[in-house]
Amino acid sequence: MTSASTKPGSPSEGKATRINLFSIKTPQMRAFHVTWFAFFLAFFGWFGIAPLMAVVRDDLNLTKTEVGNTVIASVAVTIVARLIIGWVADRYGPRISYSVLLMLGSIPVMLIGLANSYESFLLFRLAIGVIGASFVLTQYHTSKMFAPNIVGTANATTAGWGNLGGGVTQMVMPLVLSAVLMFGVSEIAGWRVAMVVPGVALFLMGIVYYRFTQDTPDGNFRELRAAGKMSPSSAVRGTFMEAAKDRRVWALFVIYGACFGIELTINNVAALYYHDRFGLSVGVAGVIAGLFGLMNLFARSLGGMFGDKFGIRYGLRGRVWFLGVVLFLEGLALILFSQMAALIVAIPAMIVFSVFVQMSEGATFSVVPFINKRALGSVAGIVGAGGNAGAMSAGFLFRMESLETQTAFFIIGALVVLISGLVFVVRFSHRAEVEQRQAVREALESRAGAVPAGGAGAVATPTPAYGD
């Protein structure tokens, strides 16, 4: 069964109107699967060192402040990288952009083992942070491939399954280290050798991405422009400033910092937090911390799916309302987690918090594709950069010697509750609402006509109810 496309001339021409999870026959589904797996591996390179930090800290004699600085470094440069990569994708397409990013990003991942001091380790973590721009390309590519009725689900699922790499990394990298140590290598050399593994995987994935994907359902940017079927690359001039002048974009920038930014922070500090607070071994702490990221298996998809459902029933404002609710619940859940002093209750509290974090992320990028379609890459880049800005801001709390980690969690939770109010800034004109409802109606009609409902492996959305 193949993905349906909307009728020619519609706002969603060529885009898939459903997700067929077990198909790779169409360019839409090939992009879907390759993008999420590329982002999954990007997390291995980006945060592969995080669960090994207890070993690195002892090896390099790092203080709490220095460890905090490396956490900040791992996400700080990504802010700039995400701002740039969105514009690059608008100009050159996601296929080439993603391939080059993965292959270049693999280099510092493989070479971080050469660090022999705090300063050199800090620089390597800074360089590795560039790979975090892969998120923007993941969202950009699926936004180009899927129609309005399902784009939130597609964006959320590819990002969520990619984010799953953050949790799996917490569990797998200590095992990789253990495997290296079995060959008689010391811990001091072991963590250095272990980081070569995710670096090689990233490089190979760059080749796979170039070989098996295309920029749009109709082909690559270069061929489409040569055939006169797409605006020339010069047409993207000014799109970044166009996006930057929209206050809704900056509201979403802060909102995404309050969800994805917090997830990045937890990925960096969770294993160390459980190791220090509850006296667990590096391996056990990594497994428990990994549970946080594993919720990406379904939670972020739920955020995007419900965003689509609310969008179908209530229009663009429905997507925004849902985002505000789950972000508010995320803040409350983090406050609860911060108060857990026993391991047996801390773990389930963390899992509940994780679900709301990732649903908020999915809900955010169910809104992003509708802000400015001409400047899609720039909007996605700015909002995506907000995630790293949030992580960097939160990182300053964890580098303070006088502030306990659980107190930092409480402060962040309270701030997230306040930030949820920014959804009132994200508003759409009546014209945008009408146009979007028409696009959704066309997509659903096309899907119903082209593919039997309830097909195997399909993620469907309900029939819309159009109200005022």
Foldseek 3Di string as FASTA:
>chain_A
DDFFAFDPPAPGGLAGLWAQQPDPPALLNLLLVLLLVLLLLLLCLLLLCQLVVVLVCVQQVDDLLLLLLLLLLLLVLCLVLLLPLLLVCLQFFLLLSSLVLLQQLLVLLLVCLVDRHSVSNSVSSNSNSSSLSSLLSSLLQNLQHHFLLCSLLSSLLSNLSSLLSLLVSLQVSVVLLVVQCVVVDDSSNSNSNSSNVSSVVSNVSSVVSNPRHARHSVGHPVVCVVVVNDDHSVVSPPLLVVLVVQVLLVLLLQLLQLQLLVVSLLSNCQLVCCCPQVVDDSNVSSNLSSLLSNLSNPLLSVLSQVLSQLCLAPNLLRLLVSLLVLLLVLLVLLLVLLPDNDPVVNSVSSNVSSSSSSSNVSSSSSNLCLPDVSSSSSSSSSSSSSNSVSNSVLSVQSSDPVHDPSNSSNVSSVVSNVSSVSSVSDDDDPVSRVSSNVSNQSSVVSCVVPDPPPDRSIDDHDRGDDDD
